[in-house]
PDB file of N, CA and C in Angstrom:
ATOM      1  N   MET A   1     113.628 111.763  85.798  1.00  0.00           N
ATOM      2  CA  MET A   1     113.128 110.420  85.567  1.00  0.00           C
ATOM      3  C   MET A   1     112.343 109.995  86.806  1.00  0.00           C
ATOM      4  N   HIS A   2     111.367 109.138  86.584  1.00  0.00           N
ATOM      5  CA  HIS A   2     110.555 108.592  87.672  1.00  0.00           C
ATOM      6  C   HIS A   2     110.462 107.077  87.539  1.00  0.00           C
ATOM      7  N   ALA A   3     110.186 106.416  88.661  1.00  0.00           N
ATOM      8  CA  ALA A   3     110.074 104.957  88.685  1.00  0.00           C
ATOM      9  C   ALA A   3     108.807 104.551  89.424  1.00  0.00           C
ATOM     10  N   ARG A   4     108.185 103.515  88.898  1.00  0.00           N
ATOM     11  CA  ARG A   4     107.053 102.898  89.596  1.00  0.00           C
ATOM     12  C   ARG A   4     107.491 101.474  89.900  1.00  0.00           C
ATOM     13  N   ILE A   5     107.255 101.047  91.138  1.00  0.00           N
ATOM     14  CA  ILE A   5     107.695  99.725  91.571  1.00  0.00           C
ATOM     15  C   ILE A   5     106.494  98.927  92.052  1.00  0.00           C
ATOM     16  N   GLY A   6     106.311  97.768  91.441  1.00  0.00           N
ATOM     17  CA  GLY A   6     105.310  96.818  91.896  1.00  0.00           C
ATOM     18  C   GLY A   6     106.021  95.729  92.675  1.00  0.00           C
ATOM     19  N   THR A   7     105.655  95.555  93.940  1.00  0.00           N
ATOM     20  CA  THR A   7     106.238  94.520  94.786  1.00  0.00           C
ATOM     21  C   THR A   7     105.248  93.364  94.851  1.00  0.00           C
ATOM     22  N   TRP A   8     105.629  92.251  94.276  1.00  0.00           N
ATOM     23  CA  TRP A   8     104.763  91.084  94.158  1.00  0.00           C
ATOM     24  C   TRP A   8     105.139  90.042  95.198  1.00  0.00           C
ATOM     25  N   SER A   9     104.137  89.302  95.669  1.00  0.00           N
ATOM     26  CA  SER A   9     104.397  88.167  96.548  1.00  0.00           C
ATOM     27  C   SER A   9     103.410  87.061  96.221  1.00  0.00           C
ATOM     28  N   GLY A  10     103.852  85.835  96.428  1.00  0.00           N
ATOM     29  CA  GLY A  10     102.995  84.694  96.143  1.00  0.00           C
ATOM     30  C   GLY A  10     103.742  83.401  96.386  1.00  0.00           C
ATOM     31  N   THR A  11     103.137  82.322  95.958  1.00  0.00           N
ATOM     32  CA  THR A  11     103.766  81.012  96.077  1.00  0.00           C
ATOM     33  C   THR A  11     104.805  80.855  94.968  1.00  0.00           C
ATOM     34  N   GLU A  12     105.594  79.793  95.040  1.00  0.00           N
ATOM     35  CA  GLU A  12     106.566  79.530  93.968  1.00  0.00           C
ATOM     36  C   GLU A  12     105.863  79.421  92.621  1.00  0.00           C
ATOM     37  N   ALA A  13     104.770  78.695  92.584  1.00  0.00           N
ATOM     38  CA  ALA A  13     104.032  78.514  91.326  1.00  0.00           C
ATOM     39  C   ALA A  13     103.474  79.842  90.816  1.00  0.00           C
ATOM     40  N   GLU A  14     102.930  80.655  91.710  1.00  0.00           N
ATOM     41  CA  GLU A  14     102.393  81.958  91.301  1.00  0.00           C
ATOM     42  C   GLU A  14     103.485  82.855  90.738  1.00  0.00           C
ATOM     43  N   LEU A  15     104.653  82.831  91.363  1.00  0.00           N
ATOM     44  CA  LEU A  15     105.739  83.678  90.875  1.00  0.00           C
ATOM     45  C   LEU A  15     106.327  83.154  89.570  1.00  0.00           C
ATOM     46  N   GLU A  16     106.301  81.857  89.337  1.00  0.00           N
ATOM     47  CA  GLU A  16     106.709  81.336  88.030  1.00  0.00           C
ATOM     48  C   GLU A  16     105.751  81.843  86.952  1.00  0.00           C
ATOM     49  N   GLN A  17     104.469  81.855  87.271  1.00  0.00           N
ATOM     50  CA  GLN A  17     103.488  82.406  86.325  1.00  0.00           C
ATOM     51  C   GLN A  17     103.706  83.903  86.150  1.00  0.00           C
ATOM     52  N   TRP A  18     104.073  84.606  87.220  1.00  0.00           N
ATOM     53  CA  TRP A  18     104.386  86.033  87.141  1.00  0.00           C
ATOM     54  C   TRP A  18     105.539  86.264  86.170  1.00  0.00           C
ATOM     55  N   ILE A  19     106.592  85.440  86.267  1.00  0.00           N
ATOM     56  CA  ILE A  19     107.747  85.572  85.369  1.00  0.00           C
ATOM     57  C   ILE A  19     107.289  85.463  83.914  1.00  0.00           C
ATOM     58  N   ASP A  20     106.551  84.413  83.612  1.00  0.00           N
ATOM     59  CA  ASP A  20     106.116  84.190  82.233  1.00  0.00           C
ATOM     60  C   ASP A  20     105.249  85.338  81.731  1.00  0.00           C
ATOM     61  N   ARG A  21     104.246  85.715  82.493  1.00  0.00           N
ATOM     62  CA  ARG A  21     103.354  86.791  82.051  1.00  0.00           C
ATOM     63  C   ARG A  21     104.104  88.117  81.953  1.00  0.00           C
ATOM     64  N   SER A  22     104.991  88.387  82.894  1.00  0.00           N
ATOM     65  CA  SER A  22     105.738  89.639  82.870  1.00  0.00           C
ATOM     66  C   SER A  22     106.612  89.731  81.626  1.00  0.00           C
ATOM     67  N   ARG A  23     107.280  88.654  81.295  1.00  0.00           N
ATOM     68  CA  ARG A  23     108.158  88.650  80.116  1.00  0.00           C
ATOM     69  C   ARG A  23     107.375  88.790  78.814  1.00  0.00           C
ATOM     70  N   THR A  24     106.256  88.086  78.719  1.00  0.00           N
ATOM     71  CA  THR A  24     105.542  88.028  77.442  1.00  0.00           C
ATOM     72  C   THR A  24     104.512  89.131  77.242  1.00  0.00           C
ATOM     73  N   GLN A  25     103.966  89.671  78.337  1.00  0.00           N
ATOM     74  CA  GLN A  25     102.899  90.655  78.189  1.00  0.00           C
ATOM     75  C   GLN A  25     103.213  91.993  78.847  1.00  0.00           C
ATOM     76  N   VAL A  26     103.729  91.973  80.050  1.00  0.00           N
ATOM     77  CA  VAL A  26     103.944  93.230  80.771  1.00  0.00           C
ATOM     78  C   VAL A  26     105.073  94.042  80.140  1.00  0.00           C
ATOM     79  N   VAL A  27     106.228  93.435  79.932  1.00  0.00           N
ATOM     80  CA  VAL A  27     107.354  94.190  79.378  1.00  0.00           C
ATOM     81  C   VAL A  27     107.002  94.800  78.017  1.00  0.00           C
ATOM     82  N   PRO A  28     106.481  94.025  77.060  1.00  0.00           N
ATOM     83  CA  PRO A  28     106.121  94.651  75.786  1.00  0.00           C
ATOM     84  C   PRO A  28     105.034  95.719  75.949  1.00  0.00           C
ATOM     85  N   GLY A  29     104.092  95.493  76.854  1.00  0.00           N
ATOM     86  CA  GLY A  29     103.031  96.464  77.079  1.00  0.00           C
ATOM     87  C   GLY A  29     103.544  97.777  77.637  1.00  0.00           C
ATOM     88  N   VAL A  30     104.468  97.715  78.575  1.00  0.00           N
ATOM     89  CA  VAL A  30     105.034  98.926  79.163  1.00  0.00           C
ATOM     90  C   VAL A  30     105.909  99.652  78.142  1.00  0.00           C
ATOM     91  N   ARG A  31     106.722  98.901  77.418  1.00  0.00           N
ATOM     92  CA  ARG A  31     107.632  99.520  76.442  1.00  0.00           C
ATOM     93  C   ARG A  31     106.882 100.259  75.344  1.00  0.00           C
ATOM     94  N   ALA A  32     105.635  99.877  75.085  1.00  0.00           N
ATOM     95  CA  ALA A  32     104.836 100.515  74.041  1.00  0.00           C
ATOM     96  C   ALA A  32     104.229 101.841  74.480  1.00  0.00           C
ATOM     97  N   VAL A  33     104.289 102.146  75.767  1.00  0.00           N
ATOM     98  CA  VAL A  33     103.672 103.374  76.293  1.00  0.00           C
ATOM     99  C   VAL A  33     104.623 104.557  76.088  1.00  0.00           C
ATOM    100  N   PRO A  34     104.127 105.662  75.550  1.00  0.00           N
ATOM    101  CA  PRO A  34     104.985 106.843  75.376  1.00  0.00           C
ATOM    102  C   PRO A  34     105.600 107.282  76.706  1.00  0.00           C
ATOM    103  N   GLY A  35     106.881 107.609  76.677  1.00  0.00           N
ATOM    104  CA  GLY A  35     107.584 108.058  77.874  1.00  0.00           C
ATOM    105  C   GLY A  35     108.252 106.964  78.660  1.00  0.00           C
ATOM    106  N   SER A  36     108.045 105.694  78.261  1.00  0.00           N
ATOM    107  CA  SER A  36     108.692 104.574  78.950  1.00  0.00           C
ATOM    108  C   SER A  36     110.188 104.593  78.653  1.00  0.00           C
ATOM    109  N   LYS A  37     110.991 104.412  79.698  1.00  0.00           N
ATOM    110  CA  LYS A  37     112.443 104.393  79.555  1.00  0.00           C
ATOM    111  C   LYS A  37     113.045 103.037  79.904  1.00  0.00           C
ATOM    112  N   GLY A  38     112.238 102.075  80.326  1.00  0.00           N
ATOM    113  CA  GLY A  38     112.770 100.752  80.615  1.00  0.00           C
ATOM    114  C   GLY A  38     111.952 100.003  81.648  1.00  0.00           C
ATOM    115  N   VAL A  39     112.208  98.709  81.719  1.00  0.00           N
ATOM    116  CA  VAL A  39     111.514  97.814  82.659  1.00  0.00           C
ATOM    117  C   VAL A  39     112.539  96.844  83.232  1.00  0.00           C
ATOM    118  N   LEU A  40     112.500  96.641  84.542  1.00  0.00           N
ATOM    119  CA  LEU A  40     113.325  95.627  85.202  1.00  0.00           C
ATOM    120  C   LEU A  40     112.401  94.654  85.921  1.00  0.00           C
ATOM    121  N   LEU A  41     112.705  93.378  85.835  1.00  0.00           N
ATOM    122  CA  LEU A  41     111.991  92.339  86.577  1.00  0.00           C
ATOM    123  C   LEU A  41     112.994  91.686  87.516  1.00  0.00           C
ATOM    124  N   LEU A  42     112.726  91.744  88.808  1.00  0.00           N
ATOM    125  CA  LEU A  42     113.638  91.196  89.814  1.00  0.00           C
ATOM    126  C   LEU A  42     112.902  90.151  90.644  1.00  0.00           C
ATOM    127  N   LEU A  43     113.569  89.060  90.967  1.00  0.00           N
ATOM    128  CA  LEU A  43     112.941  87.974  91.710  1.00  0.00           C
ATOM    129  C   LEU A  43     113.844  87.520  92.844  1.00  0.00           C
ATOM    130  N   ASP A  44     113.275  87.387  94.044  1.00  0.00           N
ATOM    131  CA  ASP A  44     113.956  86.809  95.195  1.00  0.00           C
ATOM    132  C   ASP A  44     113.224  85.510  95.524  1.00  0.00           C
ATOM    133  N   ARG A  45     113.747  84.418  95.021  1.00  0.00           N
ATOM    134  CA  ARG A  45     113.073  83.129  95.204  1.00  0.00           C
ATOM    135  C   ARG A  45     112.986  82.720  96.672  1.00  0.00           C
ATOM    136  N   ALA A  46     113.986  83.087  97.467  1.00  0.00           N
ATOM    137  CA  ALA A  46     113.996  82.695  98.880  1.00  0.00           C
ATOM    138  C   ALA A  46     112.851  83.333  99.651  1.00  0.00           C
ATOM    139  N   SER A  47     112.524  84.589  99.339  1.00  0.00           N
ATOM    140  CA  SER A  47     111.453  85.277 100.080  1.00  0.00           C
ATOM    141  C   SER A  47     110.118  85.225  99.356  1.00  0.00           C
ATOM    142  N   LEU A  48     110.090  84.612  98.155  1.00  0.00           N
ATOM    143  CA  LEU A  48     108.879  84.530  97.335  1.00  0.00           C
ATOM    144  C   LEU A  48     108.317  85.922  97.037  1.00  0.00           C
ATOM    145  N   ARG A  49     109.253  86.826  96.676  1.00  0.00           N
ATOM    146  CA  ARG A  49     108.874  88.203  96.332  1.00  0.00           C
ATOM    147  C   ARG A  49     109.548  88.583  95.014  1.00  0.00           C
ATOM    148  N   ALA A  50     108.896  89.487  94.309  1.00  0.00           N
ATOM    149  CA  ALA A  50     109.442  89.955  93.040  1.00  0.00           C
ATOM    150  C   ALA A  50     109.131  91.436  92.888  1.00  0.00           C
ATOM    151  N   LEU A  51     109.920  92.100  92.052  1.00  0.00           N
ATOM    152  CA  LEU A  51     109.715  93.514  91.772  1.00  0.00           C
ATOM    153  C   LEU A  51     109.581  93.722  90.275  1.00  0.00           C
ATOM    154  N   THR A  52     108.645  94.564  89.901  1.00  0.00           N
ATOM    155  CA  THR A  52     108.575  95.101  88.557  1.00  0.00           C
ATOM    156  C   THR A  52     108.901  96.578  88.699  1.00  0.00           C
ATOM    157  N   ILE A  53     109.976  97.017  88.072  1.00  0.00           N
ATOM    158  CA  ILE A  53     110.371  98.422  88.124  1.00  0.00           C
ATOM    159  C   ILE A  53     110.231  98.988  86.722  1.00  0.00           C
ATOM    160  N   THR A  54     109.391  99.996  86.590  1.00  0.00           N
ATOM    161  CA  THR A  54     109.257 100.683  85.312  1.00  0.00           C
ATOM    162  C   THR A  54     109.847 102.078  85.455  1.00  0.00           C
ATOM    163  N   LEU A  55     110.570 102.500  84.429  1.00  0.00           N
ATOM    164  CA  LEU A  55     111.212 103.813  84.436  1.00  0.00           C
ATOM    165  C   LEU A  55     110.535 104.702  83.402  1.00  0.00           C
ATOM    166  N   TRP A  56     110.358 105.982  83.766  1.00  0.00           N
ATOM    167  CA  TRP A  56     109.611 106.927  82.941  1.00  0.00           C
ATOM    168  C   TRP A  56     110.400 108.219  82.781  1.00  0.00           C
ATOM    169  N   GLU A  57     110.299 108.836  81.607  1.00  0.00           N
ATOM    170  CA  GLU A  57     111.062 110.046  81.335  1.00  0.00           C
ATOM    171  C   GLU A  57     110.644 111.220  82.207  1.00  0.00           C
ATOM    172  N   SER A  58     109.418 111.194  82.720  1.00  0.00           N
ATOM    173  CA  SER A  58     108.929 112.288  83.556  1.00  0.00           C
ATOM    174  C   SER A  58     107.795 111.783  84.452  1.00  0.00           C
ATOM    175  N   GLU A  59     107.488 112.574  85.462  1.00  0.00           N
ATOM    176  CA  GLU A  59     106.351 112.231  86.321  1.00  0.00           C
ATOM    177  C   GLU A  59     105.063 112.214  85.509  1.00  0.00           C
ATOM    178  N   GLU A  60     104.944 113.149  84.576  1.00  0.00           N
ATOM    179  CA  GLU A  60     103.744 113.222  83.736  1.00  0.00           C
ATOM    180  C   GLU A  60     103.573 111.940  82.916  1.00  0.00           C
ATOM    181  N   ALA A  61     104.675 111.432  82.348  1.00  0.00           N
ATOM    182  CA  ALA A  61     104.610 110.191  81.564  1.00  0.00           C
ATOM    183  C   ALA A  61     104.204 109.015  82.454  1.00  0.00           C
ATOM    184  N   MET A  62     104.749 108.965  83.668  1.00  0.00           N
ATOM    185  CA  MET A  62     104.396 107.892  84.593  1.00  0.00           C
ATOM    186  C   MET A  62     102.916 107.977  84.950  1.00  0.00           C
ATOM    187  N   ARG A  63     102.449 109.157  85.283  1.00  0.00           N
ATOM    188  CA  ARG A  63     101.035 109.330  85.641  1.00  0.00           C
ATOM    189  C   ARG A  63     100.118 108.995  84.467  1.00  0.00           C
ATOM    190  N   ALA A  64     100.531 109.371  83.253  1.00  0.00           N
ATOM    191  CA  ALA A  64      99.723 109.093  82.070  1.00  0.00           C
ATOM    192  C   ALA A  64      99.610 107.591  81.789  1.00  0.00           C
ATOM    193  N   SER A  65     100.540 106.812  82.307  1.00  0.00           N
ATOM    194  CA  SER A  65     100.543 105.366  82.074  1.00  0.00           C
ATOM    195  C   SER A  65      99.715 104.598  83.101  1.00  0.00           C
ATOM    196  N   GLU A  66      99.089 105.275  84.034  1.00  0.00           N
ATOM    197  CA  GLU A  66      98.398 104.590  85.140  1.00  0.00           C
ATOM    198  C   GLU A  66      97.261 103.679  84.675  1.00  0.00           C
ATOM    199  N   ASP A  67      96.493 104.087  83.659  1.00  0.00           N
ATOM    200  CA  ASP A  67      95.413 103.217  83.197  1.00  0.00           C
ATOM    201  C   ASP A  67      95.970 101.907  82.658  1.00  0.00           C
ATOM    202  N   ARG A  68      97.068 101.990  81.912  1.00  0.00           N
ATOM    203  CA  ARG A  68      97.705 100.790  81.373  1.00  0.00           C
ATOM    204  C   ARG A  68      98.246  99.918  82.506  1.00  0.00           C
ATOM    205  N   ARG A  69      98.852 100.547  83.533  1.00  0.00           N
ATOM    206  CA  ARG A  69      99.355  99.799  84.688  1.00  0.00           C
ATOM    207  C   ARG A  69      98.224  99.049  85.375  1.00  0.00           C
ATOM    208  N   THR A  70      97.123  99.731  85.594  1.00  0.00           N
ATOM    209  CA  THR A  70      95.978  99.109  86.264  1.00  0.00           C
ATOM    210  C   THR A  70      95.516  97.875  85.504  1.00  0.00           C
ATOM    211  N   SER A  71      95.426  97.987  84.199  1.00  0.00           N
ATOM    212  CA  SER A  71      94.990  96.866  83.367  1.00  0.00           C
ATOM    213  C   SER A  71      95.988  95.713  83.404  1.00  0.00           C
ATOM    214  N   LEU A  72      97.280  96.021  83.241  1.00  0.00           N
ATOM    215  CA  LEU A  72      98.300  94.969  83.265  1.00  0.00           C
ATOM    216  C   LEU A  72      98.365  94.277  84.626  1.00  0.00           C
ATOM    217  N   GLN A  73      98.306  95.063  85.710  1.00  0.00           N
ATOM    218  CA  GLN A  73      98.375  94.453  87.047  1.00  0.00           C
ATOM    219  C   GLN A  73      97.148  93.592  87.325  1.00  0.00           C
ATOM    220  N   ALA A  74      95.983  94.069  86.916  1.00  0.00           N
ATOM    221  CA  ALA A  74      94.764  93.281  87.144  1.00  0.00           C
ATOM    222  C   ALA A  74      94.848  91.957  86.388  1.00  0.00           C
ATOM    223  N   GLY A  75      95.347  91.998  85.164  1.00  0.00           N
ATOM    224  CA  GLY A  75      95.500  90.775  84.382  1.00  0.00           C
ATOM    225  C   GLY A  75      96.502  89.826  85.008  1.00  0.00           C
ATOM    226  N   THR A  76      97.596  90.365  85.496  1.00  0.00           N
ATOM    227  CA  THR A  76      98.614  89.527  86.132  1.00  0.00           C
ATOM    228  C   THR A  76      98.080  88.933  87.430  1.00  0.00           C
ATOM    229  N   ASN A  77      97.379  89.742  88.222  1.00  0.00           N
ATOM    230  CA  ASN A  77      96.784  89.216  89.456  1.00  0.00           C
ATOM    231  C   ASN A  77      95.839  88.061  89.146  1.00  0.00           C
ATOM    232  N   ALA A  78      94.974  88.254  88.155  1.00  0.00           N
ATOM    233  CA  ALA A  78      93.998  87.225  87.804  1.00  0.00           C
ATOM    234  C   ALA A  78      94.674  85.966  87.260  1.00  0.00           C
ATOM    235  N   ALA A  79      95.709  86.139  86.455  1.00  0.00           N
ATOM    236  CA  ALA A  79      96.376  84.999  85.818  1.00  0.00           C
ATOM    237  C   ALA A  79      97.275  84.233  86.769  1.00  0.00           C
ATOM    238  N   THR A  80      97.854  84.912  87.757  1.00  0.00           N
ATOM    239  CA  THR A  80      98.863  84.258  88.591  1.00  0.00           C
ATOM    240  C   THR A  80      98.434  84.050  90.035  1.00  0.00           C
ATOM    241  N   GLY A  81      97.561  84.875  90.555  1.00  0.00           N
ATOM    242  CA  GLY A  81      97.200  84.804  91.965  1.00  0.00           C
ATOM    243  C   GLY A  81      98.147  85.579  92.859  1.00  0.00           C
ATOM    244  N   ALA A  82      99.270  86.044  92.322  1.00  0.00           N
ATOM    245  CA  ALA A  82     100.221  86.829  93.117  1.00  0.00           C
ATOM    246  C   ALA A  82      99.595  88.177  93.462  1.00  0.00           C
ATOM    247  N   THR A  83      99.985  88.734  94.597  1.00  0.00           N
ATOM    248  CA  THR A  83      99.465  90.030  95.021  1.00  0.00           C
ATOM    249  C   THR A  83     100.535  91.098  94.818  1.00  0.00           C
ATOM    250  N   VAL A  84     100.103  92.350  94.690  1.00  0.00           N
ATOM    251  CA  VAL A  84     101.041  93.436  94.393  1.00  0.00           C
ATOM    252  C   VAL A  84     100.747  94.660  95.244  1.00  0.00           C
ATOM    253  N   GLU A  85     101.808  95.359  95.571  1.00  0.00           N
ATOM    254  CA  GLU A  85     101.733  96.684  96.198  1.00  0.00           C
ATOM    255  C   GLU A  85     102.527  97.609  95.281  1.00  0.00           C
ATOM    256  N   THR A  86     101.967  98.776  94.951  1.00  0.00           N
ATOM    257  CA  THR A  86     102.614  99.689  94.014  1.00  0.00           C
ATOM    258  C   THR A  86     103.080 100.954  94.723  1.00  0.00           C
ATOM    259  N   SER A  87     104.295 101.398  94.375  1.00  0.00           N
ATOM    260  CA  SER A  87     104.818 102.658  94.909  1.00  0.00           C
ATOM    261  C   SER A  87     105.498 103.415  93.774  1.00  0.00           C
ATOM    262  N   ARG A  88     105.673 104.722  93.978  1.00  0.00           N
ATOM    263  CA  ARG A  88     106.241 105.594  92.958  1.00  0.00           C
ATOM    264  C   ARG A  88     107.357 106.435  93.555  1.00  0.00           C
ATOM    265  N   TYR A  89     108.413 106.660  92.746  1.00  0.00           N
ATOM    266  CA  TYR A  89     109.584 107.380  93.220  1.00  0.00           C
ATOM    267  C   TYR A  89     110.117 108.324  92.153  1.00  0.00           C
ATOM    268  N   GLU A  90     110.752 109.368  92.592  1.00  0.00           N
ATOM    269  CA  GLU A  90     111.566 110.190  91.703  1.00  0.00           C
ATOM    270  C   GLU A  90     112.967 109.585  91.684  1.00  0.00           C
ATOM    271  N   VAL A  91     113.526 109.418  90.512  1.00  0.00           N
ATOM    272  CA  VAL A  91     114.891 108.913  90.394  1.00  0.00           C
ATOM    273  C   VAL A  91     115.829 110.108  90.504  1.00  0.00           C
ATOM    274  N   VAL A  92     116.655 110.137  91.543  1.00  0.00           N
ATOM    275  CA  VAL A  92     117.549 111.274  91.748  1.00  0.00           C
ATOM    276  C   VAL A  92     118.957 111.004  91.233  1.00  0.00           C
ATOM    277  N   SER A  93     119.270 109.735  90.943  1.00  0.00           N
ATOM    278  CA  SER A  93     120.557 109.396  90.371  1.00  0.00           C
ATOM    279  C   SER A  93     120.455 108.030  89.734  1.00  0.00           C
ATOM    280  N   ALA A  94     121.092 107.870  88.570  1.00  0.00           N
ATOM    281  CA  ALA A  94     121.119 106.573  87.902  1.00  0.00           C
ATOM    282  C   ALA A  94     122.434 106.448  87.143  1.00  0.00           C
ATOM    283  N   SER A  95     122.940 105.238  87.056  1.00  0.00           N
ATOM    284  CA  SER A  95     124.148 104.972  86.313  1.00  0.00           C
ATOM    285  C   SER A  95     124.010 103.621  85.650  1.00  0.00           C
ATOM    286  N   TRP A  96     124.318 103.509  84.382  1.00  0.00           N
ATOM    287  CA  TRP A  96     124.174 102.241  83.651  1.00  0.00           C
ATOM    288  C   TRP A  96     125.506 101.764  83.186  1.00  0.00           C
TER     289      TRP A  96
END
């Protein structure tokens, strides 16, 4: 399994817009991509930072989703003003 993490930062208002857009557009958009295994949205209101974590069945599935990620992130940036840094990881252990 692989994970892509978007680390967002912005003002309180920008992150509220991030929450709304992420719930209504990003999560359904990611879940529709083949190989998607889940999405987590995490928010730290005190530091004005948030994380979007997407999980993928394989590195190939994650890489194949990059065009969709680019489009979703660009839309979220434009709609909210929040900025993002993206990183990718191999998941070496998970427990639910």
